[in-house]
Amino acid sequence: MSLDWFVSIGLLPVSFALTGPVAELVGVKATLIGAGVLGSLSGLLLLVPGVRDPEAEPLPSARAPVA
């Protein structure tokens, strides 16, 4: 939960600070399109196994060999 709080709320001022200069550099329309693409790509991370259930047991192939 703390990671969610950090990303959602803690980085909000950073996004505000970057949005103006990026919009001035590449244009407002390109900035909005880029933000939409980045948001969509970050949403795709939910399709990666283990992201939705971080407490699940790792796959047998991901475990370290027992010596």
C-alpha atoms as a PDB file:
ATOM      1  CA  MET A   1       0.000   0.000   0.000  1.00  0.00           C
ATOM      2  CA  SER A   2       2.866   2.372   0.709  1.00  0.00           C
ATOM      3  CA  LEU A   3       4.243   1.875  -2.801  1.00  0.00           C
ATOM      4  CA  ASP A   4       0.829   2.703  -4.240  1.00  0.00           C
ATOM      5  CA  TRP A   5       0.671   5.833  -2.075  1.00  0.00           C
ATOM      6  CA  PHE A   6       4.179   6.884  -3.115  1.00  0.00           C
ATOM      7  CA  VAL A   7       3.500   6.459  -6.819  1.00  0.00           C
ATOM      8  CA  SER A   8      -0.027   7.854  -6.838  1.00  0.00           C
ATOM      9  CA  ILE A   9       0.380  10.830  -4.529  1.00  0.00           C
ATOM     10  CA  GLY A  10       4.101  11.268  -3.934  1.00  0.00           C
ATOM     11  CA  LEU A  11       5.032  11.681  -7.590  1.00  0.00           C
ATOM     12  CA  LEU A  12       2.125  13.989  -8.434  1.00  0.00           C
ATOM     13  CA  PRO A  13       4.209  17.182  -7.992  1.00  0.00           C
ATOM     14  CA  VAL A  14       6.863  15.699 -10.291  1.00  0.00           C
ATOM     15  CA  SER A  15       4.284  15.155 -13.002  1.00  0.00           C
ATOM     16  CA  PHE A  16       3.056  18.728 -12.603  1.00  0.00           C
ATOM     17  CA  ALA A  17       6.610  20.025 -12.896  1.00  0.00           C
ATOM     18  CA  LEU A  18       7.296  18.000 -16.049  1.00  0.00           C
ATOM     19  CA  THR A  19       4.009  18.508 -17.882  1.00  0.00           C
ATOM     20  CA  GLY A  20       4.461  22.223 -18.620  1.00  0.00           C
ATOM     21  CA  PRO A  21       7.949  22.009 -20.130  1.00  0.00           C
ATOM     22  CA  VAL A  22       7.085  18.863 -22.105  1.00  0.00           C
ATOM     23  CA  ALA A  23       3.912  20.470 -23.489  1.00  0.00           C
ATOM     24  CA  GLU A  24       5.889  23.546 -24.482  1.00  0.00           C
ATOM     25  CA  LEU A  25       8.560  21.436 -26.160  1.00  0.00           C
ATOM     26  CA  VAL A  26       6.429  18.932 -28.105  1.00  0.00           C
ATOM     27  CA  GLY A  27       2.974  20.520 -27.998  1.00  0.00           C
ATOM     28  CA  VAL A  28      -0.146  19.965 -25.942  1.00  0.00           C
ATOM     29  CA  LYS A  29      -1.696  17.346 -28.230  1.00  0.00           C
ATOM     30  CA  ALA A  30       1.474  15.233 -28.340  1.00  0.00           C
ATOM     31  CA  THR A  31       1.815  15.517 -24.548  1.00  0.00           C
ATOM     32  CA  LEU A  32      -1.727  14.249 -24.001  1.00  0.00           C
ATOM     33  CA  ILE A  33      -1.250  11.409 -26.472  1.00  0.00           C
ATOM     34  CA  GLY A  34       2.052  10.456 -24.839  1.00  0.00           C
ATOM     35  CA  ALA A  35       0.470  10.496 -21.383  1.00  0.00           C
ATOM     36  CA  GLY A  36      -2.310   8.248 -22.633  1.00  0.00           C
ATOM     37  CA  VAL A  37       0.160   5.804 -24.164  1.00  0.00           C
ATOM     38  CA  LEU A  38       2.277   5.704 -20.997  1.00  0.00           C
ATOM     39  CA  GLY A  39      -0.826   5.174 -18.872  1.00  0.00           C
ATOM     40  CA  SER A  40      -1.979   2.343 -21.123  1.00  0.00           C
ATOM     41  CA  LEU A  41       1.425   0.674 -21.075  1.00  0.00           C
ATOM     42  CA  SER A  42       1.585   0.856 -17.295  1.00  0.00           C
ATOM     43  CA  GLY A  43      -1.859  -0.749 -17.177  1.00  0.00           C
ATOM     44  CA  LEU A  44      -0.522  -3.637 -19.243  1.00  0.00           C
ATOM     45  CA  LEU A  45       1.817  -4.466 -16.358  1.00  0.00           C
ATOM     46  CA  LEU A  46      -1.203  -6.055 -14.695  1.00  0.00           C
ATOM     47  CA  LEU A  47      -0.982  -8.821 -17.294  1.00  0.00           C
ATOM     48  CA  VAL A  48       2.483  -9.871 -16.068  1.00  0.00           C
ATOM     49  CA  PRO A  49       2.242 -12.925 -13.780  1.00  0.00           C
ATOM     50  CA  GLY A  50       3.010 -12.080 -10.185  1.00  0.00           C
ATOM     51  CA  VAL A  51       2.069  -8.405 -10.377  1.00  0.00           C
ATOM     52  CA  ARG A  52      -1.522  -8.955  -9.295  1.00  0.00           C
ATOM     53  CA  ASP A  53      -0.586 -11.405  -6.518  1.00  0.00           C
ATOM     54  CA  PRO A  54       2.870 -10.567  -5.141  1.00  0.00           C
ATOM     55  CA  GLU A  55       2.454 -12.938  -2.181  1.00  0.00           C
ATOM     56  CA  ALA A  56       1.960 -15.999  -4.385  1.00  0.00           C
ATOM     57  CA  GLU A  57       4.590 -18.704  -4.434  1.00  0.00           C
ATOM     58  CA  PRO A  58       7.121 -18.257  -7.257  1.00  0.00           C
ATOM     59  CA  LEU A  59       7.081 -20.682 -10.139  1.00  0.00           C
ATOM     60  CA  PRO A  60       9.358 -23.715  -9.692  1.00  0.00           C
ATOM     61  CA  SER A  61      11.629 -22.503 -12.493  1.00  0.00           C
ATOM     62  CA  ALA A  62      12.097 -19.153 -10.707  1.00  0.00           C
ATOM     63  CA  ARG A  63      13.302 -20.681  -7.443  1.00  0.00           C
ATOM     64  CA  ALA A  64      16.978 -20.759  -6.633  1.00  0.00           C
ATOM     65  CA  PRO A  65      18.564 -24.221  -6.821  1.00  0.00           C
ATOM     66  CA  VAL A  66      18.999 -25.987  -3.517  1.00  0.00           C
ATOM     67  CA  ALA A  67      22.628 -26.808  -2.813  1.00  0.00           C
END
